[in-house]
Amino acid sequence: MPITKGFQALVDEAMTQVTTYNVDEVRARLNDPNVQIVDIRDVRELEREGTVPGALLAPRGMLEFWVDPASPYFKPVFADESKHFILFCGAGWRSALATKTLQDMGMTNVAHIDGGYAAWKKACAPMVTLAQHKAESASRKGA
C-alpha cells in the first residue's frame, strides 16, 4: 500500500498549527520557573549529545502516556497548567509532531523549538552531558 501523506507533509502541517520558538527565545526563558523544556529524544541521543540544562527527559514513545492522567504512566508534572512546555528533538520534526499531538489531546500550554537540538548546539546555547543532567536532577530531588 503506498503512502499517501509522507513525513514531510505531516511535519509541514503540524508546523502551521503549533507555536514555534527559535533558540534565542527559549534561551532567554531558561530560568523562567513557568517554563519547562522537554527533551523528547531517545536515550541514545542523550548519551551521545547531552541535553539542555533542567530539561525534562520524556521519550517521544511515552509522551502521550506521560501526559494523560488516565494512563498508568502519567507524570504529574504535565498536569501543572501554570507551566509552558517547550519540546525539542534532534531537528524539530518529531517535536513539531509531538506538540501537535499534545494540542490534539487538549494541551494549550505547549510549543517546540525550531531546528531542535541541532539548532541549540549551533547557537552554542547551554548544554550538559547526560551524567551532569542526572546529577543535577538528583541534587534537586535531595538525593
C-alpha atoms as a PDB file:
ATOM      1  CA  MET A   1       0.000   0.000   0.000  1.00  0.00           C
ATOM      2  CA  PRO A   2       1.558   3.322  -0.998  1.00  0.00           C
ATOM      3  CA  ILE A   3       1.964   6.134   1.494  1.00  0.00           C
ATOM      4  CA  THR A   4      -0.495   8.911   0.732  1.00  0.00           C
ATOM      5  CA  LYS A   5       0.985  11.507   3.092  1.00  0.00           C
ATOM      6  CA  GLY A   6       4.692  11.466   3.835  1.00  0.00           C
ATOM      7  CA  PHE A   7       6.530  12.597   6.938  1.00  0.00           C
ATOM      8  CA  GLN A   8       7.377  15.997   5.461  1.00  0.00           C
ATOM      9  CA  ALA A   9       3.707  16.728   4.742  1.00  0.00           C
ATOM     10  CA  LEU A  10       2.851  15.738   8.322  1.00  0.00           C
ATOM     11  CA  VAL A  11       5.607  17.955   9.731  1.00  0.00           C
ATOM     12  CA  ASP A  12       4.650  20.871   7.472  1.00  0.00           C
ATOM     13  CA  GLU A  13       1.018  20.524   8.530  1.00  0.00           C
ATOM     14  CA  ALA A  14       1.959  20.420  12.214  1.00  0.00           C
ATOM     15  CA  MET A  15       4.184  23.492  11.831  1.00  0.00           C
ATOM     16  CA  THR A  16       1.183  25.529  10.679  1.00  0.00           C
ATOM     17  CA  GLN A  17      -0.730  24.563  13.810  1.00  0.00           C
ATOM     18  CA  VAL A  18       1.811  24.790  16.640  1.00  0.00           C
ATOM     19  CA  THR A  19       3.732  27.555  18.368  1.00  0.00           C
ATOM     20  CA  THR A  20       7.373  27.515  17.378  1.00  0.00           C
ATOM     21  CA  TYR A  21      10.172  29.330  19.194  1.00  0.00           C
ATOM     22  CA  ASN A  22      13.692  29.923  17.974  1.00  0.00           C
ATOM     23  CA  VAL A  23      16.683  29.085  20.141  1.00  0.00           C
ATOM     24  CA  ASP A  24      17.221  32.669  21.319  1.00  0.00           C
ATOM     25  CA  GLU A  25      13.611  32.953  22.505  1.00  0.00           C
ATOM     26  CA  VAL A  26      13.897  29.748  24.525  1.00  0.00           C
ATOM     27  CA  ARG A  27      17.371  30.535  25.795  1.00  0.00           C
ATOM     28  CA  ALA A  28      16.025  33.807  27.231  1.00  0.00           C
ATOM     29  CA  ARG A  29      13.432  31.822  29.184  1.00  0.00           C
ATOM     30  CA  LEU A  30      15.692  29.076  30.571  1.00  0.00           C
ATOM     31  CA  ASN A  31      15.413  30.382  34.132  1.00  0.00           C
ATOM     32  CA  ASP A  32      11.694  31.170  33.945  1.00  0.00           C
ATOM     33  CA  PRO A  33      10.017  28.984  36.606  1.00  0.00           C
ATOM     34  CA  ASN A  34       6.886  28.801  34.444  1.00  0.00           C
ATOM     35  CA  VAL A  35       8.762  27.198  31.535  1.00  0.00           C
ATOM     36  CA  GLN A  36       9.599  23.508  31.352  1.00  0.00           C
ATOM     37  CA  ILE A  37      11.866  22.459  28.496  1.00  0.00           C
ATOM     38  CA  VAL A  38      11.088  18.884  27.387  1.00  0.00           C
ATOM     39  CA  ASP A  39      13.647  16.761  25.544  1.00  0.00           C
ATOM     40  CA  ILE A  40      11.795  14.047  23.606  1.00  0.00           C
ATOM     41  CA  ARG A  41      14.872  12.406  22.075  1.00  0.00           C
ATOM     42  CA  ASP A  42      15.747   8.794  22.840  1.00  0.00           C
ATOM     43  CA  VAL A  43      18.373   7.714  25.347  1.00  0.00           C
ATOM     44  CA  ARG A  44      20.995   7.001  22.657  1.00  0.00           C
ATOM     45  CA  GLU A  45      20.800  10.629  21.511  1.00  0.00           C
ATOM     46  CA  LEU A  46      21.009  11.846  25.108  1.00  0.00           C
ATOM     47  CA  GLU A  47      24.057   9.684  25.807  1.00  0.00           C
ATOM     48  CA  ARG A  48      25.774  10.807  22.617  1.00  0.00           C
ATOM     49  CA  GLU A  49      24.956  14.541  22.673  1.00  0.00           C
ATOM     50  CA  GLY A  50      23.755  15.623  26.115  1.00  0.00           C
ATOM     51  CA  THR A  51      20.755  17.872  26.679  1.00  0.00           C
ATOM     52  CA  VAL A  52      19.568  21.290  27.800  1.00  0.00           C
ATOM     53  CA  PRO A  53      20.134  22.093  31.499  1.00  0.00           C
ATOM     54  CA  GLY A  54      16.968  21.486  33.502  1.00  0.00           C
ATOM     55  CA  ALA A  55      15.175  19.714  30.662  1.00  0.00           C
ATOM     56  CA  LEU A  56      12.576  17.100  31.457  1.00  0.00           C
ATOM     57  CA  LEU A  57      13.562  13.915  29.631  1.00  0.00           C
ATOM     58  CA  ALA A  58      10.371  12.480  28.124  1.00  0.00           C
ATOM     59  CA  PRO A  59      10.975   9.969  25.333  1.00  0.00           C
ATOM     60  CA  ARG A  60       8.743  10.530  22.313  1.00  0.00           C
ATOM     61  CA  GLY A  61       7.386   7.000  22.514  1.00  0.00           C
ATOM     62  CA  MET A  62       5.979   7.609  26.014  1.00  0.00           C
ATOM     63  CA  LEU A  63       4.870  11.237  25.756  1.00  0.00           C
ATOM     64  CA  GLU A  64       1.132  10.704  25.282  1.00  0.00           C
ATOM     65  CA  PHE A  65       1.114   8.191  28.132  1.00  0.00           C
ATOM     66  CA  TRP A  66       3.017  10.537  30.471  1.00  0.00           C
ATOM     67  CA  VAL A  67       0.622  13.416  29.707  1.00  0.00           C
ATOM     68  CA  ASP A  68      -2.688  11.569  30.108  1.00  0.00           C
ATOM     69  CA  PRO A  69      -3.920  11.367  33.746  1.00  0.00           C
ATOM     70  CA  ALA A  70      -5.848   8.192  32.828  1.00  0.00           C
ATOM     71  CA  SER A  71      -2.611   6.421  31.879  1.00  0.00           C
ATOM     72  CA  PRO A  72      -0.761   4.217  34.365  1.00  0.00           C
ATOM     73  CA  TYR A  73       2.403   6.021  33.176  1.00  0.00           C
ATOM     74  CA  PHE A  74       1.090   9.546  33.925  1.00  0.00           C
ATOM     75  CA  LYS A  75       3.670  12.079  35.168  1.00  0.00           C
ATOM     76  CA  PRO A  76       2.086  14.793  37.365  1.00  0.00           C
ATOM     77  CA  VAL A  77       4.445  17.483  36.053  1.00  0.00           C
ATOM     78  CA  PHE A  78       2.325  17.579  32.898  1.00  0.00           C
ATOM     79  CA  ALA A  79      -0.799  18.460  34.911  1.00  0.00           C
ATOM     80  CA  ASP A  80       0.739  21.783  36.004  1.00  0.00           C
ATOM     81  CA  GLU A  81      -1.277  24.272  33.963  1.00  0.00           C
ATOM     82  CA  SER A  82       0.942  27.138  35.131  1.00  0.00           C
ATOM     83  CA  LYS A  83       3.824  25.633  33.143  1.00  0.00           C
ATOM     84  CA  HIS A  84       4.550  26.309  29.492  1.00  0.00           C
ATOM     85  CA  PHE A  85       6.069  23.154  27.989  1.00  0.00           C
ATOM     86  CA  ILE A  86       8.589  23.677  25.185  1.00  0.00           C
ATOM     87  CA  LEU A  87       9.539  20.454  23.396  1.00  0.00           C
ATOM     88  CA  PHE A  88      12.582  19.707  21.307  1.00  0.00           C
ATOM     89  CA  CYS A  89      14.067  16.786  19.415  1.00  0.00           C
ATOM     90  CA  GLY A  90      17.083  16.485  17.139  1.00  0.00           C
ATOM     91  CA  ALA A  91      15.967  18.658  14.220  1.00  0.00           C
ATOM     92  CA  GLY A  92      12.490  19.932  15.115  1.00  0.00           C
ATOM     93  CA  TRP A  93      10.454  17.373  13.173  1.00  0.00           C
ATOM     94  CA  ARG A  94       9.489  14.994  15.970  1.00  0.00           C
ATOM     95  CA  SER A  95       8.878  17.886  18.345  1.00  0.00           C
ATOM     96  CA  ALA A  96       6.539  19.576  15.846  1.00  0.00           C
ATOM     97  CA  LEU A  97       4.556  16.333  15.534  1.00  0.00           C
ATOM     98  CA  ALA A  98       4.615  15.770  19.305  1.00  0.00           C
ATOM     99  CA  THR A  99       3.484  19.329  20.009  1.00  0.00           C
ATOM    100  CA  LYS A 100       0.607  18.897  17.560  1.00  0.00           C
ATOM    101  CA  THR A 101      -0.351  15.615  19.239  1.00  0.00           C
ATOM    102  CA  LEU A 102      -0.357  17.214  22.698  1.00  0.00           C
ATOM    103  CA  GLN A 103      -2.531  20.008  21.351  1.00  0.00           C
ATOM    104  CA  ASP A 104      -4.867  17.368  19.903  1.00  0.00           C
ATOM    105  CA  MET A 105      -5.018  15.903  23.428  1.00  0.00           C
ATOM    106  CA  GLY A 106      -6.168  19.285  24.745  1.00  0.00           C
ATOM    107  CA  MET A 107      -2.972  20.951  25.939  1.00  0.00           C
ATOM    108  CA  THR A 108      -2.748  24.646  25.112  1.00  0.00           C
ATOM    109  CA  ASN A 109       0.472  25.361  27.015  1.00  0.00           C
ATOM    110  CA  VAL A 110       2.837  23.611  24.610  1.00  0.00           C
ATOM    111  CA  ALA A 111       5.283  24.698  21.893  1.00  0.00           C
ATOM    112  CA  HIS A 112       8.519  23.491  20.318  1.00  0.00           C
ATOM    113  CA  ILE A 113      11.980  24.696  19.310  1.00  0.00           C
ATOM    114  CA  ASP A 114      12.621  25.340  15.625  1.00  0.00           C
ATOM    115  CA  GLY A 115      15.600  23.306  14.469  1.00  0.00           C
ATOM    116  CA  GLY A 116      15.702  21.220  17.655  1.00  0.00           C
ATOM    117  CA  TYR A 117      18.906  20.316  19.438  1.00  0.00           C
ATOM    118  CA  ALA A 118      20.943  20.784  16.255  1.00  0.00           C
ATOM    119  CA  ALA A 119      19.989  24.482  16.240  1.00  0.00           C
ATOM    120  CA  TRP A 120      20.587  24.660  20.002  1.00  0.00           C
ATOM    121  CA  LYS A 121      24.152  23.327  19.594  1.00  0.00           C
ATOM    122  CA  LYS A 122      24.827  25.544  16.576  1.00  0.00           C
ATOM    123  CA  ALA A 123      23.864  28.590  18.663  1.00  0.00           C
ATOM    124  CA  CYS A 124      26.282  27.465  21.424  1.00  0.00           C
ATOM    125  CA  ALA A 125      23.393  27.503  23.878  1.00  0.00           C
ATOM    126  CA  PRO A 126      23.915  25.861  27.295  1.00  0.00           C
ATOM    127  CA  MET A 127      24.295  22.081  27.260  1.00  0.00           C
ATOM    128  CA  VAL A 128      25.035  19.381  29.810  1.00  0.00           C
ATOM    129  CA  THR A 129      26.039  15.761  29.469  1.00  0.00           C
ATOM    130  CA  LEU A 130      23.509  13.113  30.423  1.00  0.00           C
ATOM    131  CA  ALA A 131      25.598  12.326  33.523  1.00  0.00           C
ATOM    132  CA  GLN A 132      25.589  16.002  34.538  1.00  0.00           C
ATOM    133  CA  HIS A 133      21.825  16.159  33.964  1.00  0.00           C
ATOM    134  CA  LYS A 134      21.259  13.107  36.166  1.00  0.00           C
ATOM    135  CA  ALA A 135      23.453  14.548  38.920  1.00  0.00           C
ATOM    136  CA  GLU A 136      21.632  17.910  38.781  1.00  0.00           C
ATOM    137  CA  SER A 137      18.238  16.170  38.845  1.00  0.00           C
ATOM    138  CA  ALA A 138      19.290  14.083  41.848  1.00  0.00           C
ATOM    139  CA  SER A 139      20.505  17.155  43.745  1.00  0.00           C
ATOM    140  CA  ARG A 140      17.200  18.976  43.060  1.00  0.00           C
ATOM    141  CA  LYS A 141      15.330  15.987  44.494  1.00  0.00           C
ATOM    142  CA  GLY A 142      17.592  15.962  47.550  1.00  0.00           C
ATOM    143  CA  ALA A 143      19.128  12.609  46.694  1.00  0.00           C
END
